[in-house]
Amino acid sequence: MLDRIIQRIVRIIRLDTAVYREIQHDPRALGEAALVVAVASLLAALGAGLGAPRFLGGFAVEFLAGVLLYWLLWSAITMLVGTRAFGSHATFAEVARPLGYANGSRALGILSIVGCIFGPLVGLAAWVLSLVIGVIAVREAMELTTERAIVTAMVGWVVVVLARILLAVAL
């Protein structure tokens, strides 16, 4: 399983768009996507925690946000927008699998420990990279045009950002 995950991540880095449809149609890829999200969330949470005034608070918010918001909520909203607004026939799992892999770039959040002005910029760059990869994943998995994939992914992403802010305020 780990070999397959690494091979798929390498293909994503090489901009091989066929990998997203492969992931979409592979039921085993849900567990793989969950592992990618968990590792990326853990690394991003470590970076956020070490850069926060209180480690545990920064760590908890980033880890929970990574699993619950960046992956599951983003997948659900994206699936709803893509199917309802644009007529895609993708299921939640078919959207969640490639978006889970798209969240892998958030692992770069570990570099947030650099501090100063570069730490937050690295975290932001990882987030934006995740969005860009997510748009490609949505386009391929939901068989949408690039424009529709951008709208679909962005609607979900905006909801996630708002939910992330609420989570940070609550915790």
Protein backbone atom coordinates (compact mmCIF):
# COMPACT_ATOMS: atom_id res chain seq x y z
CA MET A 1 0.00 0.00 0.00
CA LEU A 2 2.77 2.43 0.90
CA ASP A 3 4.49 1.82 -2.45
CA ARG A 4 1.26 2.60 -4.30
CA ILE A 5 0.78 5.82 -2.29
CA ILE A 6 4.32 6.97 -3.03
CA GLN A 7 3.97 6.12 -6.73
CA ARG A 8 0.74 8.11 -6.93
CA ILE A 9 2.23 11.09 -5.11
CA VAL A 10 5.17 11.06 -7.52
CA ARG A 11 2.72 11.00 -10.44
CA ILE A 12 0.85 13.96 -8.95
CA ILE A 13 4.13 15.87 -8.60
CA ARG A 14 4.92 15.04 -12.25
CA LEU A 15 1.49 16.50 -13.20
CA ASP A 16 0.17 13.17 -14.49
CA THR A 17 -3.55 13.99 -14.47
CA ALA A 18 -4.57 10.41 -15.24
CA VAL A 19 -3.69 9.47 -11.65
CA TYR A 20 -6.76 11.31 -10.33
CA ARG A 21 -9.22 9.15 -12.27
CA GLU A 22 -7.27 6.08 -11.23
CA ILE A 23 -7.59 7.14 -7.59
CA GLN A 24 -11.26 8.04 -8.08
CA HIS A 25 -12.14 4.55 -9.32
CA ASP A 26 -9.97 2.58 -6.86
CA PRO A 27 -11.99 1.70 -3.72
CA ARG A 28 -8.72 0.87 -1.89
CA ALA A 29 -7.62 4.45 -2.41
CA LEU A 30 -9.98 5.72 0.29
CA GLY A 31 -7.77 4.24 3.00
CA GLU A 32 -4.70 5.54 1.18
CA ALA A 33 -6.22 9.03 0.96
CA ALA A 34 -7.04 8.90 4.67
CA LEU A 35 -3.42 8.01 5.42
CA VAL A 36 -2.15 10.83 3.20
CA VAL A 37 -4.47 13.28 4.97
CA ALA A 38 -3.49 11.99 8.42
CA VAL A 39 0.26 12.29 7.74
CA ALA A 40 -0.09 15.69 6.05
CA SER A 41 -2.30 16.92 8.90
CA LEU A 42 0.14 15.63 11.50
CA LEU A 43 3.09 17.38 9.85
CA ALA A 44 1.15 20.61 9.31
CA ALA A 45 -0.09 20.44 12.91
CA LEU A 46 3.46 20.03 14.22
CA GLY A 47 4.53 23.10 12.26
CA ALA A 48 1.51 25.08 13.46
CA GLY A 49 1.94 23.92 17.05
CA LEU A 50 5.63 24.77 17.20
CA GLY A 51 4.91 28.18 15.72
CA ALA A 52 1.96 28.94 18.03
CA PRO A 53 2.08 30.59 21.44
CA ARG A 54 0.57 27.41 22.89
CA PHE A 55 1.74 24.21 21.19
CA LEU A 56 -1.27 22.06 22.05
CA GLY A 57 -3.79 24.64 20.85
CA GLY A 58 -2.05 25.23 17.52
CA PHE A 59 -1.48 21.51 17.04
CA ALA A 60 -5.08 20.52 17.84
CA VAL A 61 -6.67 23.16 15.62
CA GLU A 62 -4.49 22.31 12.62
CA PHE A 63 -4.83 18.54 13.00
CA LEU A 64 -8.62 18.62 13.43
CA ALA A 65 -8.95 21.11 10.60
CA GLY A 66 -6.84 18.89 8.35
CA VAL A 67 -8.94 15.79 8.79
CA LEU A 68 -12.41 17.18 9.34
CA LEU A 69 -12.39 20.34 7.26
CA TYR A 70 -9.70 20.26 4.59
CA TRP A 71 -10.59 16.75 3.56
CA LEU A 72 -14.09 15.65 4.61
CA LEU A 73 -15.94 18.97 4.49
CA TRP A 74 -14.16 20.06 1.32
CA SER A 75 -15.03 16.73 -0.33
CA ALA A 76 -18.70 16.94 0.72
CA ILE A 77 -19.21 20.54 -0.43
CA THR A 78 -17.30 19.88 -3.66
CA MET A 79 -19.39 16.79 -4.40
CA LEU A 80 -22.62 18.69 -3.76
CA VAL A 81 -21.65 21.66 -5.94
CA GLY A 82 -20.29 19.48 -8.74
CA THR A 83 -23.32 17.19 -8.86
CA ARG A 84 -26.07 19.74 -8.24
CA ALA A 85 -24.76 22.75 -10.15
CA PHE A 86 -22.84 21.05 -12.94
CA GLY A 87 -24.42 17.61 -13.33
CA SER A 88 -21.45 15.46 -12.38
CA HIS A 89 -22.31 11.95 -11.22
CA ALA A 90 -19.44 11.47 -8.78
CA THR A 91 -20.16 10.04 -5.35
CA PHE A 92 -18.70 11.34 -2.10
CA ALA A 93 -16.05 8.60 -2.05
CA GLU A 94 -15.09 9.29 -5.68
CA VAL A 95 -14.46 12.92 -4.76
CA ALA A 96 -12.89 12.26 -1.35
CA ARG A 97 -10.23 9.89 -2.66
CA PRO A 98 -8.49 12.33 -5.06
CA LEU A 99 -9.02 15.31 -2.74
CA GLY A 100 -7.37 13.33 0.04
CA TYR A 101 -4.30 12.99 -2.12
CA ALA A 102 -4.53 16.70 -3.02
CA ASN A 103 -4.28 17.47 0.70
CA GLY A 104 -0.85 15.82 0.78
CA SER A 105 0.85 19.09 -0.09
CA ARG A 106 -0.24 20.43 3.30
CA ALA A 107 2.63 18.36 4.73
CA LEU A 108 4.81 21.31 3.74
CA GLY A 109 3.20 23.05 6.73
CA ILE A 110 5.89 21.43 8.90
CA LEU A 111 8.18 24.11 7.48
CA SER A 112 6.10 26.70 9.37
CA ILE A 113 8.49 26.19 12.26
CA VAL A 114 10.99 28.35 10.38
CA GLY A 115 9.30 31.30 12.09
CA CYS A 116 9.51 34.99 11.34
CA ILE A 117 7.66 35.95 8.21
CA PHE A 118 8.58 32.76 6.32
CA GLY A 119 6.70 30.35 8.58
CA PRO A 120 3.21 31.68 7.87
CA LEU A 121 4.07 32.12 4.19
CA VAL A 122 5.06 28.45 3.91
CA GLY A 123 1.80 27.41 5.54
CA LEU A 124 -0.16 29.63 3.16
CA ALA A 125 1.79 28.29 0.17
CA ALA A 126 0.99 24.71 1.21
CA TRP A 127 -2.69 25.62 1.46
CA VAL A 128 -2.75 27.28 -1.95
CA LEU A 129 -0.85 24.36 -3.51
CA SER A 130 -3.47 22.04 -2.03
CA LEU A 131 -6.19 24.15 -3.68
CA VAL A 132 -4.46 24.10 -7.07
CA ILE A 133 -3.97 20.34 -6.93
CA GLY A 134 -7.56 20.05 -5.69
CA VAL A 135 -8.89 21.90 -8.75
CA ILE A 136 -7.05 19.47 -11.02
CA ALA A 137 -8.35 16.52 -8.97
CA VAL A 138 -11.92 17.84 -9.16
CA ARG A 139 -11.65 18.46 -12.89
CA GLU A 140 -10.46 14.93 -13.55
CA ALA A 141 -12.56 13.03 -11.00
CA MET A 142 -15.83 14.87 -11.68
CA GLU A 143 -15.21 15.21 -15.42
CA LEU A 144 -15.78 18.96 -15.40
CA THR A 145 -14.31 21.72 -17.51
CA THR A 146 -11.45 23.61 -15.91
CA GLU A 147 -13.69 26.63 -15.29
CA ARG A 148 -16.37 24.52 -13.59
CA ALA A 149 -13.75 22.67 -11.56
CA ILE A 150 -12.35 25.99 -10.33
CA VAL A 151 -15.82 27.17 -9.25
CA THR A 152 -16.63 23.80 -7.66
CA ALA A 153 -13.37 23.55 -5.73
CA MET A 154 -13.40 27.22 -4.72
CA VAL A 155 -16.92 27.09 -3.26
CA GLY A 156 -15.89 24.17 -1.07
CA TRP A 157 -12.59 25.84 -0.23
CA VAL A 158 -14.29 29.08 0.89
CA VAL A 159 -16.64 27.09 3.14
CA VAL A 160 -13.62 25.28 4.58
CA VAL A 161 -11.76 28.54 5.24
CA LEU A 162 -14.78 29.96 7.07
CA ALA A 163 -15.19 26.75 9.09
CA ARG A 164 -11.44 26.82 9.88
CA ILE A 165 -11.75 30.34 11.25
CA LEU A 166 -14.72 29.28 13.40
CA LEU A 167 -12.79 26.24 14.67
CA ALA A 168 -9.79 28.39 15.59
CA VAL A 169 -12.00 30.85 17.44
CA ALA A 170 -13.86 28.05 19.26
CA LEU A 171 -10.66 26.27 20.35
